[in-house]
């Protein structure tokens, strides 16, 4: 095989054709042959992908002589870092079931070079993070005296092509109260503390909860907001802003 560097793209299916030639660069009939492609990280000596090549050579069509094809799906490359890798191709010896190398170039180098890029899949933007929640008086006298909001978080609906899926991770320490995930389609929602255009999307009640809880939801929102209302402590009405009684909501991570 004559060596050529290969560029693979993350986020799409990659079809790569290899043509098997002899030392005079003449295509060989490989209609009854079997080849295996191996992609590896040479620095760590780690095999990453191993797949059989599809034989396109039908034994009679001149334009297909020596041709094989490798198909790599999106999932095959999903968790890999961009950068340079190496590949090798081996051929099955039908006489004893072992493999022999299919040389990458005329100098008997057995490894070719692959560049893994993500030109079709830009790197994800970091999650939006909130660690300070704004405190307001609660107008619902049947609930806690105070409520806390994250403030509007841009949902970027113009960039959505995945069905408008959203994820929020809420970090809590010994928290007792109600947590609401809210969304709006208003392009200019009013500031927190004013009559809101946000509607509740999901809500959960917690009792002395410590840990991380996840909200996965769907909707064509322009902005997302987290609102939480600690329970009024038993025997201490009006003190739901005292964290020694209610615990804390420590952090919100949101990705739209």
Protein backbone atom coordinates (compact mmCIF):
# COMPACT_ATOMS: atom_id res chain seq x y z
CA UNK A 1 0.00 0.00 0.00
CA UNK A 2 1.19 3.50 -0.80
CA UNK A 3 1.16 5.74 2.26
CA UNK A 4 -0.99 8.85 2.41
CA UNK A 5 -1.82 10.82 5.54
CA UNK A 6 -5.51 10.67 6.46
CA UNK A 7 -7.72 13.33 8.05
CA UNK A 8 -10.75 12.13 10.01
CA UNK A 9 -13.56 14.42 11.17
CA UNK A 10 -15.39 14.06 14.47
CA UNK A 11 -19.17 14.44 14.42
CA UNK A 12 -19.73 12.81 11.01
CA UNK A 13 -19.38 9.40 9.38
CA UNK A 14 -16.00 8.92 7.70
CA UNK A 15 -15.58 6.65 4.66
CA UNK A 16 -11.95 6.09 3.64
CA UNK A 17 -10.84 4.01 0.67
CA UNK A 18 -7.55 2.13 0.53
CA UNK A 19 -6.15 0.68 -2.66
CA UNK A 20 -3.77 -2.26 -2.39
CA UNK A 21 -0.85 -2.13 -4.82
CA UNK A 22 2.34 -4.07 -5.42
CA UNK A 23 5.84 -2.61 -5.31
CA UNK A 24 5.42 -1.35 -8.89
CA UNK A 25 2.30 0.61 -7.84
CA UNK A 26 0.00 -1.74 -9.77
CA UNK A 27 -3.38 -2.51 -8.14
CA UNK A 28 -3.75 -6.06 -6.89
CA UNK A 29 -6.84 -8.25 -7.03
CA UNK A 30 -8.07 -8.42 -3.42
CA UNK A 31 -11.60 -9.70 -4.07
CA UNK A 32 -11.00 -12.76 -1.91
CA UNK A 33 -8.77 -11.08 0.71
CA UNK A 34 -9.46 -9.88 4.23
CA UNK A 35 -7.90 -6.77 5.84
CA UNK A 36 -8.12 -5.22 9.30
CA UNK A 37 -7.56 -1.55 10.09
CA UNK A 38 -6.01 -0.57 13.45
CA UNK A 39 -5.80 2.97 14.82
CA UNK A 40 -3.58 3.59 17.80
CA UNK A 41 -1.99 6.20 20.00
CA UNK A 42 1.71 5.60 19.43
CA UNK A 43 2.92 7.60 22.46
CA UNK A 44 0.87 5.50 24.90
CA UNK A 45 0.95 2.28 22.88
CA UNK A 46 -2.83 2.14 23.09
CA UNK A 47 -5.08 0.48 20.48
CA UNK A 48 -8.11 2.73 19.92
CA UNK A 49 -10.07 1.29 16.97
CA UNK A 50 -9.87 -2.01 15.13
CA UNK A 51 -12.22 -2.69 12.22
CA UNK A 52 -12.39 -4.98 9.21
CA UNK A 53 -12.17 -3.27 5.81
CA UNK A 54 -14.99 -3.77 3.32
CA UNK A 55 -13.71 -5.25 0.06
CA UNK A 56 -14.96 -3.23 -2.92
CA UNK A 57 -12.92 -5.20 -5.46
CA UNK A 58 -15.31 -7.62 -7.20
CA UNK A 59 -12.56 -9.38 -9.13
CA UNK A 60 -13.66 -8.13 -12.53
CA UNK A 61 -14.28 -4.35 -12.53
CA UNK A 62 -11.03 -2.60 -13.42
CA UNK A 63 -11.89 0.63 -11.57
CA UNK A 64 -12.45 -1.35 -8.33
CA UNK A 65 -9.28 -3.40 -8.52
CA UNK A 66 -7.47 -3.39 -5.19
CA UNK A 67 -10.08 -1.17 -3.51
CA UNK A 68 -11.19 -1.54 0.10
CA UNK A 69 -13.16 0.80 2.34
CA UNK A 70 -13.17 1.70 6.00
CA UNK A 71 -16.33 3.17 7.57
CA UNK A 72 -16.02 4.96 10.91
CA UNK A 73 -19.26 6.11 12.54
CA UNK A 74 -19.68 9.20 14.72
CA UNK A 75 -19.57 7.07 17.87
CA UNK A 76 -16.23 5.50 16.93
CA UNK A 77 -14.46 8.86 17.31
CA UNK A 78 -16.71 10.54 19.88
CA UNK A 79 -14.51 10.26 22.98
CA UNK A 80 -11.14 10.83 21.28
CA UNK A 81 -9.02 13.94 21.55
CA UNK A 82 -8.18 15.81 18.37
CA UNK A 83 -4.58 15.46 17.20
CA UNK A 84 -2.32 12.97 15.47
CA UNK A 85 -2.64 9.19 15.62
CA UNK A 86 -1.15 6.30 13.69
CA UNK A 87 -2.76 3.46 11.79
CA UNK A 88 -1.79 0.13 10.39
CA UNK A 89 -3.45 -2.42 8.10
CA UNK A 90 -2.92 -6.16 8.28
CA UNK A 91 -4.00 -8.92 5.91
CA UNK A 92 -5.39 -12.31 6.87
CA UNK A 93 -3.34 -15.28 5.70
CA UNK A 94 -6.02 -17.89 4.89
CA UNK A 95 -3.53 -20.77 5.08
CA UNK A 96 -3.09 -20.59 8.85
CA UNK A 97 -5.42 -17.81 10.10
CA UNK A 98 -2.61 -15.44 11.07
CA UNK A 99 -2.11 -11.87 9.91
CA UNK A 100 0.68 -10.34 7.87
CA UNK A 101 1.39 -6.61 7.57
CA UNK A 102 0.14 -4.69 4.56
CA UNK A 103 2.98 -2.18 4.30
CA UNK A 104 2.07 1.49 4.32
CA UNK A 105 4.79 2.58 1.90
CA UNK A 106 7.50 1.36 -0.41
CA UNK A 107 10.09 1.67 2.37
CA UNK A 108 8.27 -1.00 4.41
CA UNK A 109 7.06 1.42 7.05
CA UNK A 110 4.04 -0.30 8.57
CA UNK A 111 2.27 2.72 10.08
CA UNK A 112 0.52 5.66 8.48
CA UNK A 113 -0.50 8.97 10.04
CA UNK A 114 -4.02 10.11 10.92
CA UNK A 115 -5.03 13.63 11.87
CA UNK A 116 -8.25 13.72 13.90
CA UNK A 117 -10.05 17.07 13.56
CA UNK A 118 -13.43 18.44 14.64
CA UNK A 119 -14.13 21.03 11.96
CA UNK A 120 -17.75 19.84 11.77
CA UNK A 121 -18.17 19.69 15.54
CA UNK A 122 -16.96 22.81 17.36
CA UNK A 123 -15.89 22.36 20.97
CA UNK A 124 -18.70 22.72 23.49
CA UNK A 125 -18.97 26.00 25.33
CA UNK A 126 -18.54 25.68 29.10
CA UNK A 127 -21.62 25.36 31.28
CA UNK A 128 -23.05 28.55 32.74
CA UNK A 129 -22.32 28.62 36.47
CA UNK A 130 -24.18 30.39 39.28
CA UNK A 131 -22.90 30.38 42.86
CA UNK A 132 -24.75 33.42 44.25
CA UNK A 133 -28.56 33.51 44.31
CA UNK A 134 -30.54 36.74 44.63
CA UNK A 135 -32.88 36.97 47.61
CA UNK A 136 -36.44 38.40 47.41
CA UNK A 137 -39.54 38.48 49.57
CA UNK A 138 -41.97 35.75 48.61
CA UNK A 139 -45.45 37.00 47.64
CA UNK A 140 -46.89 33.53 48.27
CA UNK A 141 -47.63 33.64 52.00
CA UNK A 142 -48.34 29.89 52.07
CA UNK A 143 -44.70 29.14 51.26
CA UNK A 144 -41.39 30.28 52.73
CA UNK A 145 -40.98 33.96 53.52
CA UNK A 146 -38.08 34.40 51.10
CA UNK A 147 -37.21 33.02 47.70
CA UNK A 148 -33.91 32.88 45.83
CA UNK A 149 -33.29 33.09 42.08
CA UNK A 150 -30.30 32.50 39.84
CA UNK A 151 -31.25 35.24 37.40
CA UNK A 152 -31.73 34.73 33.68
CA UNK A 153 -29.41 32.29 31.90
CA UNK A 154 -29.28 32.56 28.10
CA UNK A 155 -30.56 29.39 26.43
CA UNK A 156 -29.35 30.32 22.90
CA UNK A 157 -32.33 28.87 20.99
CA UNK A 158 -30.82 30.06 17.71
CA UNK A 159 -28.08 27.45 18.05
CA UNK A 160 -30.31 24.51 18.89
CA UNK A 161 -30.61 21.61 16.50
CA UNK A 162 -30.89 18.83 19.07
CA UNK A 163 -34.59 19.07 19.92
CA UNK A 164 -34.10 21.89 22.48
CA UNK A 165 -32.67 19.72 25.25
CA UNK A 166 -31.32 21.31 28.44
CA UNK A 167 -29.46 20.05 31.51
CA UNK A 168 -29.10 21.62 34.94
CA UNK A 169 -26.99 20.30 37.81
CA UNK A 170 -27.90 21.64 41.26
CA UNK A 171 -25.41 21.31 44.12
CA UNK A 172 -26.91 21.31 47.64
CA UNK A 173 -25.77 20.89 51.24
CA UNK A 174 -28.33 19.63 53.79
CA UNK A 175 -30.99 21.52 51.85
CA UNK A 176 -34.69 21.45 52.74
CA UNK A 177 -37.05 23.19 50.36
CA UNK A 178 -38.42 23.36 46.82
CA UNK A 179 -36.31 23.85 43.69
CA UNK A 180 -37.93 25.08 40.47
CA UNK A 181 -36.46 25.07 36.97
CA UNK A 182 -38.14 27.80 34.94
CA UNK A 183 -38.11 28.87 31.30
CA UNK A 184 -39.33 31.79 29.22
CA UNK A 185 -39.68 32.63 25.52
CA UNK A 186 -39.50 36.35 26.26
CA UNK A 187 -36.59 38.01 24.47
CA UNK A 188 -36.29 40.58 27.28
CA UNK A 189 -37.59 39.09 30.52
CA UNK A 190 -38.02 41.58 33.39
CA UNK A 191 -35.30 41.70 36.05
CA UNK A 192 -35.64 39.36 39.05
CA UNK A 193 -38.04 40.66 41.68
CA UNK A 194 -40.48 42.05 39.08
CA UNK A 195 -43.55 40.25 37.72
CA UNK A 196 -42.00 37.38 35.83
CA UNK A 197 -42.61 35.81 32.43
CA UNK A 198 -40.86 32.63 33.59
CA UNK A 199 -42.99 29.49 33.89
CA UNK A 200 -42.18 26.44 35.98
CA UNK A 201 -40.80 23.57 33.90
CA UNK A 202 -39.84 21.13 36.66
CA UNK A 203 -39.83 21.22 40.45
CA UNK A 204 -38.62 18.93 43.25
CA UNK A 205 -38.83 19.03 47.01
CA UNK A 206 -35.81 18.09 49.13
CA UNK A 207 -35.47 17.11 52.76
CA UNK A 208 -31.99 17.55 54.25
CA UNK A 209 -30.44 16.70 50.88
CA UNK A 210 -26.70 16.81 50.30
CA UNK A 211 -25.27 16.11 46.86
CA UNK A 212 -25.94 16.90 43.19
CA UNK A 213 -29.30 16.50 41.49
CA UNK A 214 -29.85 16.73 37.74
CA UNK A 215 -32.72 18.21 35.77
CA UNK A 216 -33.09 17.24 32.10
CA UNK A 217 -35.82 19.08 30.24
CA UNK A 218 -36.91 20.15 26.79
CA UNK A 219 -38.29 23.39 25.37
CA UNK A 220 -37.58 26.26 22.98
CA UNK A 221 -36.68 28.74 25.72
CA UNK A 222 -34.81 32.00 25.31
CA UNK A 223 -33.81 32.10 28.99
CA UNK A 224 -33.75 29.67 31.90
CA UNK A 225 -33.91 30.46 35.61
CA UNK A 226 -33.52 28.49 38.85
CA UNK A 227 -35.74 29.48 41.75
CA UNK A 228 -35.59 27.85 45.16
CA UNK A 229 -37.73 28.40 48.25
CA UNK A 230 -36.39 26.94 51.50
CA UNK A 231 -39.03 25.57 53.85
CA UNK A 232 -39.93 27.67 56.88
CA UNK A 233 -38.11 26.00 59.79
CA UNK A 234 -40.42 24.30 62.28
CA UNK A 235 -40.87 26.68 65.22
CA UNK A 236 -39.11 29.51 63.39
CA UNK A 237 -41.63 31.08 60.99
CA UNK A 238 -40.18 33.67 58.66
CA UNK A 239 -36.62 32.40 58.99
CA UNK A 240 -36.33 30.37 55.82
CA UNK A 241 -33.34 32.52 54.85
CA UNK A 242 -31.31 31.17 57.77
CA UNK A 243 -29.08 28.47 56.35
CA UNK A 244 -28.43 26.84 59.72
CA UNK A 245 -32.07 25.69 59.53
CA UNK A 246 -32.60 25.19 55.80
CA UNK A 247 -29.22 24.18 54.40
CA UNK A 248 -27.96 25.68 51.16
CA UNK A 249 -28.19 25.56 47.41
CA UNK A 250 -24.52 26.05 46.62
CA UNK A 251 -24.20 26.07 42.85
CA UNK A 252 -26.04 25.69 39.55
CA UNK A 253 -24.44 24.45 36.34
CA UNK A 254 -26.61 24.93 33.25
CA UNK A 255 -26.08 23.88 29.64
CA UNK A 256 -28.65 24.58 26.93
